[in-house]
Amino acid sequence: AAAARALAAAGCDIVICDDGLQHYRLSRDIEIEVIDGARRYGNGRLLPAGPLREPATRAARCDFHVVNLGDGAHGEAGFGEWPMRLATRDAMPLQGRRSRPLAGFAGQRVHALAGIGDPSRFFNMLKARGIAVVPHAFADHHAFRGEDLVFTSPLPVLMTEKDAVKCAAFAPEDSYSVPIDAELPEAFWAALLDRIARLREA
């Protein structure tokens, strides 16, 4: 809440908060729920007994419902939901090399590192592109150290952008982050911008 006030004082008129549903002290105008298209609400229980940070009933108070369908061609969003698909870009080196098309790793073994909510999603995305993955899964928000990236075999290392920020200072030379873009229908953006415009007029 203090950070939002500081941004507003600096002239920022829109603040976007990741994991903002849990910050009850933070006033909000629009709430966007994002759920995993494969796991949905899982067993319906809250952490640590289940995957949820808020009760599933909390979704009823959200303004937009986005379903992360990953990068596969299959899967659909339900009624009242917006489908979000993931698209990869060229792998970006953590040290001074040129970017490399992800397809260039096809047929090659790599160390794949992920400290996110569902590391298997990242690993499966690489496997779907023909990359032979040696997986290294870490907990979400893991505080990486140099020894986490010491591997017995000298293979290229692919990691999420989120993890690359934490590992850039000590990652092996042949390490890359894999940028992923979230793609939503144009109609979603139109609806969101319309909602923002109506809030400004109120």
N, C-alpha and C. Protein backbone atom coordinates (compact mmCIF):
# COMPACT_ATOMS: atom_id res chain seq x y z
N ALA A 1 0.83 -1.19 0.00
CA ALA A 1 0.00 0.00 0.00
C ALA A 1 0.87 1.25 0.00
N ALA A 2 1.95 1.24 0.77
CA ALA A 2 2.85 2.39 0.82
C ALA A 2 3.50 2.63 -0.54
N ALA A 3 3.87 1.54 -1.22
CA ALA A 3 4.48 1.67 -2.55
C ALA A 3 3.49 2.27 -3.53
N ALA A 4 2.23 1.85 -3.45
CA ALA A 4 1.20 2.39 -4.34
C ALA A 4 1.00 3.88 -4.10
N ARG A 5 1.02 4.29 -2.84
CA ARG A 5 0.88 5.72 -2.52
C ARG A 5 2.05 6.52 -3.07
N ALA A 6 3.25 5.96 -2.97
CA ALA A 6 4.43 6.65 -3.48
C ALA A 6 4.36 6.80 -5.00
N LEU A 7 3.89 5.76 -5.69
CA LEU A 7 3.74 5.84 -7.14
C LEU A 7 2.71 6.88 -7.53
N ALA A 8 1.60 6.91 -6.80
CA ALA A 8 0.56 7.90 -7.10
C ALA A 8 1.08 9.31 -6.88
N ALA A 9 1.88 9.50 -5.84
CA ALA A 9 2.44 10.82 -5.56
C ALA A 9 3.40 11.25 -6.66
N ALA A 10 4.02 10.28 -7.33
CA ALA A 10 4.97 10.58 -8.41
C ALA A 10 4.27 10.79 -9.75
N GLY A 11 2.94 10.69 -9.77
CA GLY A 11 2.20 10.94 -11.00
C GLY A 11 1.70 9.70 -11.71
N CYS A 12 1.96 8.53 -11.16
CA CYS A 12 1.47 7.29 -11.78
C CYS A 12 -0.03 7.16 -11.52
N ASP A 13 -0.81 6.91 -12.57
CA ASP A 13 -2.26 6.82 -12.38
C ASP A 13 -2.81 5.40 -12.51
N ILE A 14 -1.95 4.43 -12.86
CA ILE A 14 -2.37 3.03 -12.89
C ILE A 14 -1.28 2.19 -12.22
N VAL A 15 -1.66 1.42 -11.22
CA VAL A 15 -0.73 0.53 -10.52
C VAL A 15 -1.21 -0.90 -10.73
N ILE A 16 -0.34 -1.75 -11.26
CA ILE A 16 -0.66 -3.16 -11.49
C ILE A 16 0.11 -3.98 -10.46
N CYS A 17 -0.60 -4.78 -9.68
CA CYS A 17 0.02 -5.56 -8.61
C CYS A 17 -0.08 -7.05 -8.90
N ASP A 18 1.05 -7.73 -8.91
CA ASP A 18 1.07 -9.18 -9.01
C ASP A 18 0.71 -9.75 -7.64
N ASP A 19 -0.10 -10.80 -7.61
CA ASP A 19 -0.55 -11.40 -6.35
C ASP A 19 -1.27 -10.38 -5.47
N GLY A 20 -1.95 -9.44 -6.09
CA GLY A 20 -2.59 -8.37 -5.33
C GLY A 20 -3.84 -8.76 -4.57
N LEU A 21 -4.44 -9.90 -4.89
CA LEU A 21 -5.68 -10.29 -4.23
C LEU A 21 -5.50 -10.44 -2.72
N GLN A 22 -4.28 -10.83 -2.31
CA GLN A 22 -4.05 -11.06 -0.88
C GLN A 22 -3.81 -9.78 -0.09
N HIS A 23 -3.54 -8.68 -0.77
CA HIS A 23 -3.19 -7.43 -0.08
C HIS A 23 -4.47 -6.65 0.20
N TYR A 24 -5.15 -7.04 1.27
CA TYR A 24 -6.46 -6.46 1.56
C TYR A 24 -6.38 -4.98 1.93
N ARG A 25 -5.25 -4.53 2.43
CA ARG A 25 -5.11 -3.12 2.80
C ARG A 25 -4.95 -2.23 1.57
N LEU A 26 -4.66 -2.84 0.43
CA LEU A 26 -4.46 -2.09 -0.80
C LEU A 26 -5.79 -1.91 -1.51
N SER A 27 -6.24 -0.67 -1.60
CA SER A 27 -7.49 -0.39 -2.31
C SER A 27 -7.30 -0.71 -3.79
N ARG A 28 -8.34 -1.24 -4.41
CA ARG A 28 -8.23 -1.60 -5.82
C ARG A 28 -9.53 -1.30 -6.55
N ASP A 29 -9.40 -1.03 -7.84
CA ASP A 29 -10.56 -0.73 -8.68
C ASP A 29 -10.95 -1.90 -9.57
N ILE A 30 -9.96 -2.68 -9.97
CA ILE A 30 -10.19 -3.82 -10.86
C ILE A 30 -9.40 -5.01 -10.32
N GLU A 31 -10.02 -6.18 -10.33
CA GLU A 31 -9.33 -7.41 -9.93
C GLU A 31 -9.37 -8.41 -11.08
N ILE A 32 -8.20 -8.95 -11.39
CA ILE A 32 -8.07 -9.94 -12.46
C ILE A 32 -7.57 -11.24 -11.85
N GLU A 33 -8.37 -12.26 -11.97
CA GLU A 33 -7.97 -13.59 -11.49
C GLU A 33 -7.28 -14.33 -12.63
N VAL A 34 -6.12 -14.94 -12.33
CA VAL A 34 -5.42 -15.77 -13.31
C VAL A 34 -5.27 -17.16 -12.72
N ILE A 35 -5.77 -18.17 -13.42
CA ILE A 35 -5.65 -19.55 -12.93
C ILE A 35 -4.99 -20.43 -13.97
N ASP A 36 -4.39 -21.50 -13.53
CA ASP A 36 -3.76 -22.49 -14.40
C ASP A 36 -4.84 -23.31 -15.09
N GLY A 37 -4.78 -23.37 -16.41
CA GLY A 37 -5.81 -24.08 -17.16
C GLY A 37 -5.81 -25.57 -16.92
N ALA A 38 -4.67 -26.14 -16.53
CA ALA A 38 -4.61 -27.58 -16.29
C ALA A 38 -5.01 -27.92 -14.86
N ARG A 39 -4.48 -27.19 -13.90
CA ARG A 39 -4.75 -27.51 -12.49
C ARG A 39 -6.03 -26.87 -11.97
N ARG A 40 -6.43 -25.78 -12.62
CA ARG A 40 -7.60 -25.02 -12.14
C ARG A 40 -7.42 -24.72 -10.64
N TYR A 41 -8.39 -25.13 -9.81
CA TYR A 41 -8.31 -24.86 -8.37
C TYR A 41 -7.77 -26.06 -7.60
N GLY A 42 -7.22 -27.04 -8.31
CA GLY A 42 -6.62 -28.20 -7.66
C GLY A 42 -7.59 -28.90 -6.73
N ASN A 43 -7.14 -29.16 -5.51
CA ASN A 43 -8.01 -29.82 -4.53
C ASN A 43 -8.91 -28.84 -3.79
N GLY A 44 -8.83 -27.56 -4.17
CA GLY A 44 -9.68 -26.55 -3.56
C GLY A 44 -9.21 -26.04 -2.21
N ARG A 45 -8.03 -26.49 -1.77
CA ARG A 45 -7.54 -26.11 -0.45
C ARG A 45 -6.48 -25.02 -0.54
N LEU A 46 -6.32 -24.30 0.56
CA LEU A 46 -5.33 -23.24 0.63
C LEU A 46 -3.95 -23.79 0.96
N LEU A 47 -2.91 -23.02 0.62
CA LEU A 47 -1.55 -23.39 1.01
C LEU A 47 -1.48 -23.60 2.53
N PRO A 48 -0.73 -24.59 3.02
CA PRO A 48 0.10 -25.53 2.28
C PRO A 48 -0.63 -26.82 1.89
N ALA A 49 -1.90 -26.96 2.26
CA ALA A 49 -2.64 -28.20 1.97
C ALA A 49 -3.03 -28.30 0.50
N GLY A 50 -3.05 -27.19 -0.20
CA GLY A 50 -3.42 -27.17 -1.60
C GLY A 50 -2.70 -26.05 -2.32
N PRO A 51 -3.08 -25.76 -3.57
CA PRO A 51 -2.35 -24.77 -4.37
C PRO A 51 -2.87 -23.34 -4.25
N LEU A 52 -3.96 -23.13 -3.52
CA LEU A 52 -4.62 -21.83 -3.54
C LEU A 52 -4.09 -20.86 -2.49
N ARG A 53 -4.01 -19.60 -2.88
CA ARG A 53 -3.65 -18.54 -1.94
C ARG A 53 -4.89 -17.83 -1.41
N GLU A 54 -6.00 -18.03 -2.08
CA GLU A 54 -7.29 -17.49 -1.67
C GLU A 54 -8.33 -18.59 -1.88
N PRO A 55 -9.42 -18.60 -1.11
CA PRO A 55 -10.47 -19.59 -1.36
C PRO A 55 -11.02 -19.45 -2.78
N ALA A 56 -11.43 -20.56 -3.37
CA ALA A 56 -11.97 -20.52 -4.73
C ALA A 56 -13.18 -19.60 -4.83
N THR A 57 -13.92 -19.46 -3.74
CA THR A 57 -15.10 -18.59 -3.75
C THR A 57 -14.72 -17.13 -3.94
N ARG A 58 -13.47 -16.80 -3.68
CA ARG A 58 -13.00 -15.42 -3.84
C ARG A 58 -13.10 -14.97 -5.29
N ALA A 59 -13.06 -15.92 -6.23
CA ALA A 59 -13.09 -15.58 -7.65
C ALA A 59 -14.36 -14.85 -8.05
N ALA A 60 -15.43 -15.08 -7.34
CA ALA A 60 -16.72 -14.47 -7.69
C ALA A 60 -16.66 -12.95 -7.62
N ARG A 61 -15.72 -12.41 -6.84
CA ARG A 61 -15.62 -10.95 -6.68
C ARG A 61 -14.65 -10.32 -7.67
N CYS A 62 -14.02 -11.13 -8.51
CA CYS A 62 -13.06 -10.60 -9.49
C CYS A 62 -13.79 -10.08 -10.74
N ASP A 63 -13.19 -9.09 -11.37
CA ASP A 63 -13.80 -8.47 -12.55
C ASP A 63 -13.51 -9.24 -13.83
N PHE A 64 -12.32 -9.82 -13.93
CA PHE A 64 -11.92 -10.58 -15.11
C PHE A 64 -11.35 -11.92 -14.66
N HIS A 65 -11.63 -12.95 -15.45
CA HIS A 65 -11.16 -14.30 -15.15
C HIS A 65 -10.32 -14.78 -16.33
N VAL A 66 -9.01 -14.92 -16.11
CA VAL A 66 -8.07 -15.31 -17.16
C VAL A 66 -7.60 -16.73 -16.88
N VAL A 67 -7.59 -17.57 -17.93
CA VAL A 67 -7.15 -18.96 -17.80
C VAL A 67 -5.86 -19.14 -18.59
N ASN A 68 -4.79 -19.51 -17.90
CA ASN A 68 -3.50 -19.74 -18.53
C ASN A 68 -3.51 -21.12 -19.19
N LEU A 69 -3.58 -21.14 -20.51
CA LEU A 69 -3.63 -22.39 -21.26
C LEU A 69 -2.26 -22.85 -21.73
N GLY A 70 -1.22 -22.14 -21.31
CA GLY A 70 0.13 -22.53 -21.69
C GLY A 70 0.41 -22.25 -23.15
N ASP A 71 1.33 -23.02 -23.73
CA ASP A 71 1.71 -22.78 -25.12
C ASP A 71 1.16 -23.83 -26.07
N GLY A 72 0.30 -24.72 -25.57
CA GLY A 72 -0.26 -25.75 -26.43
C GLY A 72 -1.43 -25.24 -27.26
N ALA A 73 -1.71 -25.94 -28.33
CA ALA A 73 -2.81 -25.55 -29.20
C ALA A 73 -4.15 -26.00 -28.63
N HIS A 74 -4.11 -26.94 -27.68
CA HIS A 74 -5.34 -27.48 -27.13
C HIS A 74 -5.72 -26.77 -25.84
N GLY A 75 -6.93 -26.97 -25.43
CA GLY A 75 -7.42 -26.35 -24.21
C GLY A 75 -8.28 -25.15 -24.52
N GLU A 76 -9.31 -24.99 -23.75
CA GLU A 76 -10.23 -23.88 -23.97
C GLU A 76 -10.57 -23.23 -22.63
N ALA A 77 -10.93 -21.96 -22.70
CA ALA A 77 -11.44 -21.27 -21.53
C ALA A 77 -12.94 -21.50 -21.45
N GLY A 78 -13.47 -21.46 -20.24
CA GLY A 78 -14.90 -21.67 -20.05
C GLY A 78 -15.69 -20.40 -20.24
N PHE A 79 -16.98 -20.49 -20.02
CA PHE A 79 -17.86 -19.33 -20.16
C PHE A 79 -17.46 -18.24 -19.17
N GLY A 80 -17.33 -17.02 -19.66
CA GLY A 80 -16.95 -15.91 -18.79
C GLY A 80 -15.47 -15.83 -18.49
N GLU A 81 -14.66 -16.66 -19.16
CA GLU A 81 -13.21 -16.67 -18.95
C GLU A 81 -12.49 -16.19 -20.20
N TRP A 82 -11.32 -15.60 -19.99
CA TRP A 82 -10.49 -15.15 -21.10
C TRP A 82 -9.31 -16.10 -21.25
N PRO A 83 -9.07 -16.65 -22.46
CA PRO A 83 -7.93 -17.56 -22.65
C PRO A 83 -6.62 -16.79 -22.79
N MET A 84 -5.60 -17.25 -22.10
CA MET A 84 -4.26 -16.69 -22.23
C MET A 84 -3.32 -17.79 -22.68
N ARG A 85 -2.59 -17.53 -23.74
CA ARG A 85 -1.62 -18.50 -24.24
C ARG A 85 -0.22 -17.91 -24.14
N LEU A 86 0.76 -18.79 -24.03
CA LEU A 86 2.14 -18.37 -23.85
C LEU A 86 2.94 -18.60 -25.12
N ALA A 87 3.73 -17.62 -25.50
CA ALA A 87 4.57 -17.71 -26.70
C ALA A 87 6.01 -17.42 -26.31
N THR A 88 6.92 -18.28 -26.75
CA THR A 88 8.33 -18.10 -26.43
C THR A 88 9.02 -17.25 -27.49
N ARG A 89 10.09 -16.59 -27.07
CA ARG A 89 10.95 -15.85 -27.99
C ARG A 89 12.36 -16.44 -27.95
N ASP A 90 13.28 -15.83 -28.66
CA ASP A 90 14.65 -16.33 -28.68
C ASP A 90 15.24 -16.36 -27.27
N ALA A 91 16.08 -17.36 -27.03
CA ALA A 91 16.76 -17.47 -25.74
C ALA A 91 17.79 -16.35 -25.63
N MET A 92 17.79 -15.67 -24.48
CA MET A 92 18.67 -14.52 -24.26
C MET A 92 19.83 -14.91 -23.34
N PRO A 93 21.06 -14.67 -23.77
CA PRO A 93 22.22 -15.04 -22.94
C PRO A 93 22.30 -14.20 -21.68
N LEU A 94 22.72 -14.82 -20.58
CA LEU A 94 22.91 -14.06 -19.34
C LEU A 94 24.25 -13.33 -19.36
N GLN A 95 25.16 -13.78 -20.23
CA GLN A 95 26.43 -13.09 -20.41
C GLN A 95 26.54 -12.65 -21.87
N GLY A 96 27.64 -11.99 -22.20
CA GLY A 96 27.75 -11.31 -23.50
C GLY A 96 27.78 -12.18 -24.73
N ARG A 97 26.69 -12.81 -25.04
CA ARG A 97 26.57 -13.56 -26.29
C ARG A 97 25.35 -13.05 -27.04
N ARG A 98 25.18 -13.57 -28.26
CA ARG A 98 24.00 -13.21 -29.03
C ARG A 98 22.82 -14.09 -28.62
N SER A 99 21.63 -13.57 -28.86
CA SER A 99 20.44 -14.38 -28.61
C SER A 99 20.46 -15.59 -29.54
N ARG A 100 19.73 -16.60 -29.14
CA ARG A 100 19.75 -17.86 -29.90
C ARG A 100 18.32 -18.37 -30.05
N PRO A 101 17.88 -18.69 -31.27
CA PRO A 101 16.53 -19.22 -31.43
C PRO A 101 16.35 -20.47 -30.56
N LEU A 102 15.21 -20.57 -29.92
CA LEU A 102 14.98 -21.73 -29.05
C LEU A 102 15.03 -23.02 -29.86
N ALA A 103 14.63 -22.94 -31.12
CA ALA A 103 14.68 -24.13 -31.98
C ALA A 103 16.10 -24.64 -32.15
N GLY A 104 17.09 -23.78 -31.92
CA GLY A 104 18.48 -24.20 -32.05
C GLY A 104 18.92 -25.19 -30.99
N PHE A 105 18.14 -25.32 -29.92
CA PHE A 105 18.45 -26.29 -28.87
C PHE A 105 17.76 -27.64 -29.10
N ALA A 106 16.94 -27.74 -30.14
CA ALA A 106 16.22 -28.99 -30.41
C ALA A 106 17.21 -30.13 -30.66
N GLY A 107 16.93 -31.29 -30.06
CA GLY A 107 17.81 -32.44 -30.20
C GLY A 107 19.04 -32.37 -29.32
N GLN A 108 19.09 -31.39 -28.45
CA GLN A 108 20.25 -31.17 -27.59
C GLN A 108 19.85 -31.30 -26.12
N ARG A 109 20.75 -31.84 -25.30
CA ARG A 109 20.50 -31.90 -23.87
C ARG A 109 20.85 -30.57 -23.23
N VAL A 110 20.00 -30.14 -22.31
CA VAL A 110 20.25 -28.89 -21.59
C VAL A 110 19.86 -29.07 -20.13
N HIS A 111 20.46 -28.28 -19.27
CA HIS A 111 19.98 -28.15 -17.90
C HIS A 111 18.85 -27.12 -17.93
N ALA A 112 17.68 -27.50 -17.46
CA ALA A 112 16.54 -26.58 -17.39
C ALA A 112 16.27 -26.26 -15.93
N LEU A 113 16.27 -24.99 -15.60
CA LEU A 113 16.16 -24.55 -14.21
C LEU A 113 14.91 -23.70 -14.05
N ALA A 114 14.11 -24.01 -13.03
CA ALA A 114 12.89 -23.23 -12.81
C ALA A 114 12.55 -23.19 -11.32
N GLY A 115 12.42 -21.98 -10.80
CA GLY A 115 11.97 -21.77 -9.43
C GLY A 115 10.67 -21.00 -9.46
N ILE A 116 9.64 -21.63 -10.01
CA ILE A 116 8.33 -20.99 -10.18
C ILE A 116 7.26 -21.88 -9.57
N GLY A 117 6.02 -21.43 -9.64
CA GLY A 117 4.93 -22.18 -9.01
C GLY A 117 4.77 -23.59 -9.55
N ASP A 118 4.95 -23.77 -10.86
CA ASP A 118 4.81 -25.09 -11.48
C ASP A 118 5.97 -25.29 -12.46
N PRO A 119 7.14 -25.72 -11.96
CA PRO A 119 8.31 -25.89 -12.84
C PRO A 119 8.05 -26.82 -14.02
N SER A 120 7.18 -27.81 -13.85
CA SER A 120 6.93 -28.77 -14.92
C SER A 120 6.38 -28.08 -16.17
N ARG A 121 5.66 -26.98 -15.99
CA ARG A 121 5.14 -26.26 -17.16
C ARG A 121 6.29 -25.76 -18.04
N PHE A 122 7.33 -25.23 -17.40
CA PHE A 122 8.50 -24.75 -18.15
C PHE A 122 9.23 -25.91 -18.80
N PHE A 123 9.43 -26.99 -18.06
CA PHE A 123 10.14 -28.15 -18.61
C PHE A 123 9.37 -28.75 -19.79
N ASN A 124 8.07 -28.89 -19.64
CA ASN A 124 7.27 -29.47 -20.71
C ASN A 124 7.25 -28.60 -21.96
N MET A 125 7.30 -27.28 -21.76
CA MET A 125 7.35 -26.37 -22.89
C MET A 125 8.62 -26.59 -23.71
N LEU A 126 9.74 -26.80 -23.01
CA LEU A 126 11.00 -27.05 -23.70
C LEU A 126 10.98 -28.42 -24.39
N LYS A 127 10.44 -29.42 -23.70
CA LYS A 127 10.36 -30.76 -24.29
C LYS A 127 9.51 -30.76 -25.55
N ALA A 128 8.44 -29.97 -25.55
CA ALA A 128 7.56 -29.90 -26.71
C ALA A 128 8.29 -29.34 -27.93
N ARG A 129 9.40 -28.68 -27.72
CA ARG A 129 10.20 -28.13 -28.81
C ARG A 129 11.38 -29.03 -29.15
N GLY A 130 11.33 -30.26 -28.67
CA GLY A 130 12.35 -31.24 -29.01
C GLY A 130 13.64 -31.11 -28.23
N ILE A 131 13.61 -30.39 -27.13
CA ILE A 131 14.80 -30.20 -26.31
C ILE A 131 14.85 -31.28 -25.23
N ALA A 132 16.00 -31.92 -25.09
CA ALA A 132 16.17 -32.97 -24.08
C ALA A 132 16.51 -32.30 -22.75
N VAL A 133 15.55 -32.31 -21.84
CA VAL A 133 15.64 -31.54 -20.60
C VAL A 133 16.21 -32.37 -19.45
N VAL A 134 17.23 -31.82 -18.80
CA VAL A 134 17.67 -32.32 -17.50
C VAL A 134 17.08 -31.34 -16.48
N PRO A 135 15.98 -31.71 -15.82
CA PRO A 135 15.24 -30.74 -15.01
C PRO A 135 15.87 -30.46 -13.64
N HIS A 136 15.79 -29.20 -13.24
CA HIS A 136 16.22 -28.78 -11.90
C HIS A 136 15.12 -27.88 -11.36
N ALA A 137 14.23 -28.46 -10.56
CA ALA A 137 13.08 -27.72 -10.04
C ALA A 137 13.38 -27.16 -8.65
N PHE A 138 13.01 -25.92 -8.45
CA PHE A 138 13.17 -25.26 -7.15
C PHE A 138 11.84 -24.68 -6.72
N ALA A 139 11.73 -24.38 -5.44
CA ALA A 139 10.49 -23.80 -4.93
C ALA A 139 10.28 -22.40 -5.50
N ASP A 140 9.03 -22.00 -5.56
CA ASP A 140 8.71 -20.65 -6.01
C ASP A 140 9.40 -19.64 -5.09
N HIS A 141 9.95 -18.59 -5.69
CA HIS A 141 10.66 -17.53 -4.95
C HIS A 141 11.94 -18.03 -4.28
N HIS A 142 12.51 -19.11 -4.80
CA HIS A 142 13.76 -19.64 -4.24
C HIS A 142 14.87 -18.59 -4.33
N ALA A 143 15.64 -18.44 -3.27
CA ALA A 143 16.79 -17.53 -3.26
C ALA A 143 18.01 -18.28 -3.78
N PHE A 144 18.29 -18.15 -5.05
CA PHE A 144 19.36 -18.92 -5.68
C PHE A 144 20.73 -18.51 -5.17
N ARG A 145 21.62 -19.53 -5.12
CA ARG A 145 23.02 -19.32 -4.78
C ARG A 145 23.86 -19.98 -5.86
N GLY A 146 25.13 -19.65 -5.88
CA GLY A 146 26.01 -20.16 -6.91
C GLY A 146 26.03 -21.67 -7.00
N GLU A 147 25.98 -22.34 -5.83
CA GLU A 147 26.05 -23.81 -5.84
C GLU A 147 24.82 -24.45 -6.47
N ASP A 148 23.72 -23.71 -6.58
CA ASP A 148 22.53 -24.26 -7.23
C ASP A 148 22.75 -24.48 -8.71
N LEU A 149 23.73 -23.80 -9.28
CA LEU A 149 23.98 -23.88 -10.71
C LEU A 149 25.29 -24.60 -11.04
N VAL A 150 25.76 -25.40 -10.09
CA VAL A 150 26.95 -26.22 -10.33
C VAL A 150 26.46 -27.61 -10.74
N PHE A 151 26.70 -27.97 -12.01
CA PHE A 151 26.20 -29.23 -12.55
C PHE A 151 27.38 -30.12 -12.94
N THR A 152 27.15 -31.42 -12.90
CA THR A 152 28.22 -32.37 -13.22
C THR A 152 28.52 -32.41 -14.71
N SER A 153 27.53 -32.13 -15.55
CA SER A 153 27.74 -32.16 -17.00
C SER A 153 27.68 -30.74 -17.56
N PRO A 154 28.64 -30.37 -18.40
CA PRO A 154 28.71 -29.00 -18.94
C PRO A 154 27.75 -28.78 -20.11
N LEU A 155 26.48 -28.68 -19.81
CA LEU A 155 25.47 -28.46 -20.85
C LEU A 155 24.99 -27.01 -20.79
N PRO A 156 24.38 -26.53 -21.88
CA PRO A 156 23.75 -25.22 -21.81
C PRO A 156 22.68 -25.21 -20.71
N VAL A 157 22.44 -24.04 -20.15
CA VAL A 157 21.45 -23.89 -19.08
C VAL A 157 20.34 -22.96 -19.59
N LEU A 158 19.11 -23.45 -19.53
CA LEU A 158 17.94 -22.64 -19.88
C LEU A 158 17.13 -22.40 -18.62
N MET A 159 16.70 -21.16 -18.41
CA MET A 159 15.92 -20.83 -17.21
C MET A 159 14.87 -19.79 -17.54
N THR A 160 13.93 -19.62 -16.64
CA THR A 160 12.90 -18.61 -16.83
C THR A 160 13.51 -17.21 -16.64
N GLU A 161 12.83 -16.21 -17.19
CA GLU A 161 13.29 -14.83 -16.99
C GLU A 161 13.31 -14.46 -15.51
N LYS A 162 12.31 -14.94 -14.79
CA LYS A 162 12.22 -14.65 -13.36
C LYS A 162 13.46 -15.15 -12.63
N ASP A 163 13.91 -16.36 -12.97
CA ASP A 163 15.08 -16.93 -12.31
C ASP A 163 16.38 -16.30 -12.81
N ALA A 164 16.40 -15.88 -14.07
CA ALA A 164 17.61 -15.29 -14.64
C ALA A 164 18.01 -14.02 -13.90
N VAL A 165 17.03 -13.25 -13.45
CA VAL A 165 17.33 -12.03 -12.70
C VAL A 165 18.12 -12.36 -11.43
N LYS A 166 17.77 -13.46 -10.79
CA LYS A 166 18.43 -13.85 -9.54
C LYS A 166 19.78 -14.53 -9.77
N CYS A 167 19.96 -15.12 -10.96
CA CYS A 167 21.14 -15.95 -11.21
C CYS A 167 22.19 -15.28 -12.09
N ALA A 168 21.92 -14.10 -12.60
CA ALA A 168 22.80 -13.48 -13.58
C ALA A 168 24.24 -13.32 -13.08
N ALA A 169 24.42 -13.05 -11.80
CA ALA A 169 25.75 -12.76 -11.27
C ALA A 169 26.64 -13.99 -11.19
N PHE A 170 26.06 -15.19 -11.14
CA PHE A 170 26.89 -16.38 -10.94
C PHE A 170 26.52 -17.53 -11.87
N ALA A 171 25.72 -17.28 -12.88
CA ALA A 171 25.31 -18.35 -13.80
C ALA A 171 26.49 -18.79 -14.67
N PRO A 172 26.53 -20.06 -15.07
CA PRO A 172 27.58 -20.52 -15.98
C PRO A 172 27.56 -19.72 -17.28
N GLU A 173 28.66 -19.76 -17.99
CA GLU A 173 28.80 -18.94 -19.20
C GLU A 173 27.73 -19.25 -20.24
N ASP A 174 27.42 -20.51 -20.43
CA ASP A 174 26.46 -20.92 -21.47
C ASP A 174 25.04 -20.98 -20.89
N SER A 175 24.59 -19.88 -20.30
CA SER A 175 23.26 -19.82 -19.67
C SER A 175 22.37 -18.83 -20.40
N TYR A 176 21.10 -19.21 -20.52
CA TYR A 176 20.14 -18.38 -21.26
C TYR A 176 18.82 -18.28 -20.50
N SER A 177 18.19 -17.15 -20.62
CA SER A 177 16.81 -17.03 -20.15
C SER A 177 15.88 -17.23 -21.34
N VAL A 178 14.69 -17.73 -21.07
CA VAL A 178 13.71 -17.98 -22.13
C VAL A 178 12.55 -17.00 -21.94
N PRO A 179 12.52 -15.91 -22.71
CA PRO A 179 11.41 -14.96 -22.59
C PRO A 179 10.09 -15.58 -23.03
N ILE A 180 9.05 -15.31 -22.29
CA ILE A 180 7.73 -15.83 -22.60
C ILE A 180 6.73 -14.68 -22.59
N ASP A 181 5.99 -14.56 -23.67
CA ASP A 181 4.97 -13.52 -23.78
C ASP A 181 3.59 -14.12 -23.51
N ALA A 182 2.81 -13.41 -22.73
CA ALA A 182 1.42 -13.81 -22.49
C ALA A 182 0.53 -13.14 -23.53
N GLU A 183 -0.21 -13.94 -24.28
CA GLU A 183 -1.06 -13.41 -25.34
C GLU A 183 -2.53 -13.61 -24.99
N LEU A 184 -3.27 -12.51 -24.99
CA LEU A 184 -4.71 -12.54 -24.72
C LEU A 184 -5.45 -11.97 -25.91
N PRO A 185 -6.73 -12.32 -26.07
CA PRO A 185 -7.50 -11.82 -27.21
C PRO A 185 -7.61 -10.29 -27.19
N GLU A 186 -7.71 -9.71 -28.37
CA GLU A 186 -7.89 -8.26 -28.46
C GLU A 186 -9.13 -7.81 -27.68
N ALA A 187 -10.15 -8.67 -27.67
CA ALA A 187 -11.39 -8.31 -26.98
C ALA A 187 -11.16 -8.14 -25.48
N PHE A 188 -10.20 -8.88 -24.93
CA PHE A 188 -9.88 -8.72 -23.51
C PHE A 188 -9.34 -7.33 -23.24
N TRP A 189 -8.38 -6.90 -24.06
CA TRP A 189 -7.78 -5.58 -23.85
C TRP A 189 -8.81 -4.48 -24.06
N ALA A 190 -9.69 -4.67 -25.03
CA ALA A 190 -10.74 -3.67 -25.25
C ALA A 190 -11.64 -3.56 -24.04
N ALA A 191 -12.01 -4.71 -23.46
CA ALA A 191 -12.88 -4.71 -22.29
C ALA A 191 -12.18 -4.08 -21.08
N LEU A 192 -10.89 -4.39 -20.92
CA LEU A 192 -10.13 -3.84 -19.80
C LEU A 192 -9.98 -2.32 -19.93
N LEU A 193 -9.62 -1.86 -21.12
CA LEU A 193 -9.45 -0.42 -21.33
C LEU A 193 -10.77 0.32 -21.18
N ASP A 194 -11.85 -0.32 -21.61
CA ASP A 194 -13.17 0.30 -21.43
C ASP A 194 -13.50 0.44 -19.95
N ARG A 195 -13.16 -0.59 -19.18
CA ARG A 195 -13.41 -0.53 -17.74
C ARG A 195 -12.59 0.58 -17.08
N ILE A 196 -11.34 0.73 -17.49
CA ILE A 196 -10.49 1.79 -16.95
C ILE A 196 -11.04 3.16 -17.31
N ALA A 197 -11.48 3.31 -18.56
CA ALA A 197 -12.03 4.59 -19.00
C ALA A 197 -13.27 4.96 -18.19
N ARG A 198 -14.12 3.98 -17.91
CA ARG A 198 -15.33 4.26 -17.14
C ARG A 198 -15.00 4.63 -15.69
N LEU A 199 -13.94 4.03 -15.16
CA LEU A 199 -13.51 4.39 -13.80
C LEU A 199 -13.01 5.83 -13.74
N ARG A 200 -12.31 6.24 -14.78
CA ARG A 200 -11.79 7.60 -14.82
C ARG A 200 -12.91 8.63 -14.93
N GLU A 201 -13.99 8.24 -15.60
CA GLU A 201 -15.12 9.15 -15.78
C GLU A 201 -15.97 9.26 -14.52
N ALA A 202 -15.88 8.24 -13.67
CA ALA A 202 -16.74 8.21 -12.47
C ALA A 202 -16.34 9.25 -11.45
